[in-house]
């Protein structure tokens, strides 16, 4: 019985340890519009939350699906139309 109890505790500890999400340090805010597309694409590949996006790129307007915006066309990468997954994380999008 003691052996099965130890096995259950050990198995639970492994299962709980595997559930831990790695934490990434928050990048420093990048002021201004997006000019380094390689760094921006790498950031989007991390599937940030909208709050993480706003904290990292505070000067870029984040447009969420279903949001209403003006019809102006921007060529300076100052407005990003995000695509979200089912968890509300940004998985892609485009500037416009």
N, C-alpha and C. Protein backbone atom coordinates (compact mmCIF):
# COMPACT_ATOMS: atom_id res chain seq x y z
N UNK A 1 0.83 -1.19 0.00
CA UNK A 1 0.00 0.00 0.00
C UNK A 1 0.88 1.25 0.00
N UNK A 2 1.92 1.23 0.80
CA UNK A 2 2.81 2.39 0.87
C UNK A 2 3.45 2.64 -0.50
N UNK A 3 3.78 1.57 -1.19
CA UNK A 3 4.41 1.69 -2.50
C UNK A 3 3.44 2.35 -3.49
N UNK A 4 2.18 1.95 -3.47
CA UNK A 4 1.21 2.55 -4.39
C UNK A 4 0.94 4.02 -4.04
N UNK A 5 0.99 4.35 -2.75
CA UNK A 5 0.83 5.74 -2.34
C UNK A 5 1.99 6.59 -2.84
N UNK A 6 3.21 6.06 -2.68
CA UNK A 6 4.38 6.78 -3.18
C UNK A 6 4.33 6.94 -4.70
N UNK A 7 3.90 5.92 -5.38
CA UNK A 7 3.78 5.97 -6.84
C UNK A 7 2.75 7.02 -7.25
N UNK A 8 1.64 7.09 -6.53
CA UNK A 8 0.61 8.08 -6.84
C UNK A 8 1.12 9.49 -6.61
N UNK A 9 1.84 9.72 -5.52
CA UNK A 9 2.40 11.04 -5.23
C UNK A 9 3.43 11.41 -6.28
N UNK A 10 4.30 10.49 -6.64
CA UNK A 10 5.33 10.74 -7.64
C UNK A 10 4.70 11.05 -9.00
N UNK A 11 3.71 10.29 -9.39
CA UNK A 11 3.03 10.51 -10.68
C UNK A 11 2.33 11.86 -10.69
N UNK A 12 1.70 12.23 -9.59
CA UNK A 12 1.03 13.53 -9.50
C UNK A 12 2.04 14.67 -9.60
N UNK A 13 3.17 14.51 -8.95
CA UNK A 13 4.20 15.55 -8.99
C UNK A 13 4.73 15.75 -10.40
N UNK A 14 4.92 14.66 -11.12
CA UNK A 14 5.39 14.76 -12.51
C UNK A 14 4.32 15.43 -13.37
N UNK A 15 3.08 15.03 -13.19
CA UNK A 15 1.99 15.60 -13.99
C UNK A 15 1.84 17.09 -13.72
N UNK A 16 1.92 17.49 -12.47
CA UNK A 16 1.78 18.90 -12.15
C UNK A 16 2.98 19.71 -12.63
N UNK A 17 4.13 19.12 -12.57
CA UNK A 17 5.32 19.81 -13.07
C UNK A 17 5.28 20.01 -14.56
N UNK A 18 4.69 19.08 -15.29
CA UNK A 18 4.60 19.20 -16.74
C UNK A 18 3.60 20.26 -17.16
N UNK A 19 2.71 20.64 -16.28
CA UNK A 19 1.69 21.63 -16.61
C UNK A 19 2.21 23.06 -16.51
N UNK A 20 3.38 23.24 -15.98
CA UNK A 20 3.91 24.58 -15.80
C UNK A 20 4.25 25.20 -17.15
N UNK A 21 3.74 26.39 -17.40
CA UNK A 21 4.04 27.11 -18.63
C UNK A 21 5.35 27.87 -18.42
N UNK A 22 6.23 27.83 -19.42
CA UNK A 22 7.45 28.62 -19.25
C UNK A 22 7.11 30.10 -19.26
N UNK A 23 7.76 30.85 -18.42
CA UNK A 23 7.51 32.28 -18.39
C UNK A 23 8.62 32.98 -19.15
N UNK A 24 8.23 33.89 -20.00
CA UNK A 24 9.19 34.67 -20.77
C UNK A 24 9.23 36.06 -20.16
N UNK A 25 10.42 36.58 -20.00
CA UNK A 25 10.50 37.93 -19.45
C UNK A 25 9.84 38.91 -20.41
N UNK A 26 9.17 39.88 -19.86
CA UNK A 26 8.49 40.87 -20.69
C UNK A 26 9.54 41.73 -21.39
N UNK A 27 9.42 41.85 -22.71
CA UNK A 27 10.38 42.70 -23.42
C UNK A 27 10.17 44.16 -23.06
N UNK A 28 11.21 44.93 -23.21
CA UNK A 28 11.12 46.36 -22.95
C UNK A 28 10.22 47.00 -23.99
N UNK A 29 9.44 48.00 -23.63
CA UNK A 29 8.57 48.67 -24.61
C UNK A 29 9.39 49.25 -25.76
N UNK A 30 8.87 49.05 -26.97
CA UNK A 30 9.52 49.58 -28.17
C UNK A 30 8.68 50.75 -28.66
N UNK A 31 9.13 51.95 -28.40
CA UNK A 31 8.36 53.13 -28.76
C UNK A 31 8.52 53.46 -30.23
N UNK A 32 7.50 54.08 -30.76
CA UNK A 32 7.48 54.40 -32.19
C UNK A 32 6.76 53.29 -32.94
N UNK A 33 6.82 53.37 -34.24
CA UNK A 33 6.14 52.38 -35.08
C UNK A 33 7.09 51.23 -35.39
N UNK A 34 6.55 50.16 -35.93
CA UNK A 34 7.35 48.97 -36.19
C UNK A 34 8.25 49.21 -37.40
N UNK A 35 9.54 49.08 -37.18
CA UNK A 35 10.50 49.19 -38.28
C UNK A 35 11.29 47.90 -38.46
N UNK A 36 11.48 47.15 -37.38
CA UNK A 36 12.20 45.87 -37.45
C UNK A 36 11.19 44.74 -37.58
N UNK A 37 10.91 44.36 -38.83
CA UNK A 37 9.88 43.35 -39.07
C UNK A 37 10.30 41.96 -38.58
N UNK A 38 11.59 41.66 -38.60
CA UNK A 38 12.03 40.35 -38.12
C UNK A 38 11.76 40.22 -36.61
N UNK A 39 12.08 41.25 -35.87
CA UNK A 39 11.81 41.22 -34.42
C UNK A 39 10.31 41.19 -34.15
N UNK A 40 9.54 41.94 -34.94
CA UNK A 40 8.10 41.97 -34.75
C UNK A 40 7.49 40.59 -35.04
N UNK A 41 7.91 39.97 -36.15
CA UNK A 41 7.40 38.64 -36.49
C UNK A 41 7.77 37.61 -35.42
N UNK A 42 8.98 37.72 -34.88
CA UNK A 42 9.39 36.81 -33.81
C UNK A 42 8.51 37.01 -32.57
N UNK A 43 8.18 38.26 -32.28
CA UNK A 43 7.30 38.56 -31.15
C UNK A 43 5.91 37.96 -31.38
N UNK A 44 5.36 38.11 -32.57
CA UNK A 44 4.03 37.56 -32.87
C UNK A 44 4.05 36.03 -32.79
N UNK A 45 5.15 35.40 -33.15
CA UNK A 45 5.24 33.93 -33.06
C UNK A 45 5.16 33.43 -31.63
N UNK A 46 5.36 34.30 -30.64
CA UNK A 46 5.20 33.89 -29.24
C UNK A 46 3.74 33.85 -28.82
N UNK A 47 2.84 34.28 -29.72
CA UNK A 47 1.39 34.34 -29.47
C UNK A 47 1.08 35.18 -28.23
N UNK A 48 1.42 36.46 -28.30
CA UNK A 48 1.19 37.34 -27.14
C UNK A 48 -0.29 37.61 -26.92
N UNK A 49 -0.63 38.00 -25.71
CA UNK A 49 -1.98 38.46 -25.44
C UNK A 49 -2.08 39.90 -25.94
N UNK A 50 -3.28 40.43 -26.11
CA UNK A 50 -3.40 41.83 -26.49
C UNK A 50 -2.72 42.77 -25.49
N UNK A 51 -2.78 42.46 -24.20
CA UNK A 51 -2.12 43.30 -23.20
C UNK A 51 -0.60 43.27 -23.36
N UNK A 52 -0.05 42.10 -23.66
CA UNK A 52 1.39 41.99 -23.90
C UNK A 52 1.79 42.78 -25.15
N UNK A 53 0.95 42.73 -26.18
CA UNK A 53 1.22 43.48 -27.40
C UNK A 53 1.27 44.97 -27.09
N UNK A 54 0.25 45.45 -26.38
CA UNK A 54 0.18 46.88 -26.05
C UNK A 54 1.34 47.32 -25.17
N UNK A 55 1.78 46.45 -24.28
CA UNK A 55 2.91 46.79 -23.41
C UNK A 55 4.22 46.84 -24.20
N UNK A 56 4.37 45.96 -25.18
CA UNK A 56 5.60 45.91 -25.95
C UNK A 56 5.63 46.96 -27.05
N UNK A 57 4.50 47.19 -27.70
CA UNK A 57 4.41 48.18 -28.79
C UNK A 57 3.34 49.22 -28.43
N UNK A 58 3.63 50.10 -27.46
CA UNK A 58 2.61 51.03 -26.98
C UNK A 58 2.17 52.07 -28.01
N UNK A 59 2.97 52.33 -29.03
CA UNK A 59 2.62 53.35 -30.01
C UNK A 59 1.92 52.78 -31.25
N UNK A 60 1.74 51.46 -31.29
CA UNK A 60 1.06 50.82 -32.42
C UNK A 60 -0.38 50.55 -32.00
N UNK A 61 -1.32 51.03 -32.82
CA UNK A 61 -2.73 50.80 -32.52
C UNK A 61 -3.06 49.35 -32.83
N UNK A 62 -3.55 48.62 -31.84
CA UNK A 62 -3.95 47.23 -32.02
C UNK A 62 -5.44 47.20 -32.31
N UNK A 63 -5.81 46.66 -33.47
CA UNK A 63 -7.20 46.56 -33.87
C UNK A 63 -7.62 45.10 -33.71
N UNK A 64 -8.59 44.90 -32.83
CA UNK A 64 -9.08 43.55 -32.56
C UNK A 64 -10.18 43.19 -33.56
N UNK A 65 -10.39 41.89 -33.80
CA UNK A 65 -11.47 41.49 -34.71
C UNK A 65 -12.81 42.06 -34.24
N UNK A 66 -13.54 42.62 -35.18
CA UNK A 66 -14.84 43.20 -34.87
C UNK A 66 -14.79 44.66 -34.46
N UNK A 67 -13.59 45.21 -34.28
CA UNK A 67 -13.46 46.62 -33.91
C UNK A 67 -13.71 47.51 -35.12
N UNK A 68 -14.21 48.69 -34.86
CA UNK A 68 -14.47 49.66 -35.93
C UNK A 68 -13.31 50.64 -35.96
N UNK A 69 -12.79 50.89 -37.16
CA UNK A 69 -11.69 51.84 -37.31
C UNK A 69 -11.99 52.76 -38.50
N UNK A 70 -11.15 53.76 -38.66
CA UNK A 70 -11.27 54.63 -39.82
C UNK A 70 -10.78 53.87 -41.05
N UNK A 71 -11.10 54.38 -42.24
CA UNK A 71 -10.73 53.67 -43.45
C UNK A 71 -9.41 54.17 -44.04
N UNK A 72 -8.70 55.01 -43.32
CA UNK A 72 -7.43 55.50 -43.84
C UNK A 72 -6.45 54.34 -43.98
N UNK A 73 -5.57 54.45 -44.94
CA UNK A 73 -4.54 53.44 -45.14
C UNK A 73 -3.22 53.99 -44.63
N UNK A 74 -2.62 53.29 -43.70
CA UNK A 74 -1.36 53.74 -43.12
C UNK A 74 -0.21 52.91 -43.70
N UNK A 75 0.85 53.57 -44.04
CA UNK A 75 2.01 52.87 -44.60
C UNK A 75 3.19 52.86 -43.64
N UNK A 76 2.98 53.31 -42.40
CA UNK A 76 4.09 53.41 -41.46
C UNK A 76 4.05 52.35 -40.35
N UNK A 77 3.31 51.28 -40.54
CA UNK A 77 3.20 50.19 -39.56
C UNK A 77 2.80 50.70 -38.18
N UNK A 78 1.78 51.56 -38.17
CA UNK A 78 1.31 52.13 -36.90
C UNK A 78 -0.03 51.55 -36.46
N UNK A 79 -0.62 50.68 -37.28
CA UNK A 79 -1.90 50.07 -36.90
C UNK A 79 -1.87 48.61 -37.34
N UNK A 80 -2.09 47.71 -36.38
CA UNK A 80 -2.00 46.28 -36.63
C UNK A 80 -3.36 45.62 -36.41
N UNK A 81 -3.85 44.96 -37.44
CA UNK A 81 -5.11 44.22 -37.38
C UNK A 81 -4.79 42.78 -36.98
N UNK A 82 -5.16 42.41 -35.77
CA UNK A 82 -4.75 41.12 -35.20
C UNK A 82 -5.72 40.01 -35.55
N UNK A 83 -5.16 38.81 -35.69
CA UNK A 83 -5.93 37.58 -35.78
C UNK A 83 -5.70 36.84 -34.46
N UNK A 84 -6.77 36.33 -33.88
CA UNK A 84 -6.67 35.69 -32.56
C UNK A 84 -7.00 34.21 -32.65
N UNK A 85 -6.43 33.44 -31.71
CA UNK A 85 -6.83 32.04 -31.58
C UNK A 85 -8.00 31.95 -30.61
N UNK A 86 -8.41 30.75 -30.30
CA UNK A 86 -9.57 30.55 -29.41
C UNK A 86 -9.31 31.03 -27.99
N UNK A 87 -8.04 31.17 -27.60
CA UNK A 87 -7.70 31.63 -26.26
C UNK A 87 -7.51 33.14 -26.20
N UNK A 88 -7.72 33.83 -27.32
CA UNK A 88 -7.58 35.28 -27.35
C UNK A 88 -6.15 35.76 -27.52
N UNK A 89 -5.26 34.88 -27.94
CA UNK A 89 -3.86 35.25 -28.17
C UNK A 89 -3.67 35.61 -29.64
N UNK A 90 -2.77 36.52 -29.90
CA UNK A 90 -2.52 36.99 -31.26
C UNK A 90 -1.66 35.96 -31.99
N UNK A 91 -2.17 35.47 -33.12
CA UNK A 91 -1.45 34.46 -33.89
C UNK A 91 -0.98 34.99 -35.23
N UNK A 92 -1.39 36.16 -35.59
CA UNK A 92 -1.02 36.76 -36.86
C UNK A 92 -1.81 38.02 -37.08
N UNK A 93 -1.75 38.52 -38.29
CA UNK A 93 -2.47 39.73 -38.63
C UNK A 93 -1.76 40.48 -39.72
N UNK A 94 -2.11 41.75 -39.87
CA UNK A 94 -1.48 42.57 -40.90
C UNK A 94 -1.54 44.04 -40.50
N UNK A 95 -0.63 44.80 -41.09
CA UNK A 95 -0.65 46.26 -40.90
C UNK A 95 -1.54 46.87 -41.95
N UNK A 96 -2.14 47.98 -41.61
CA UNK A 96 -2.99 48.65 -42.59
C UNK A 96 -3.39 50.02 -42.13
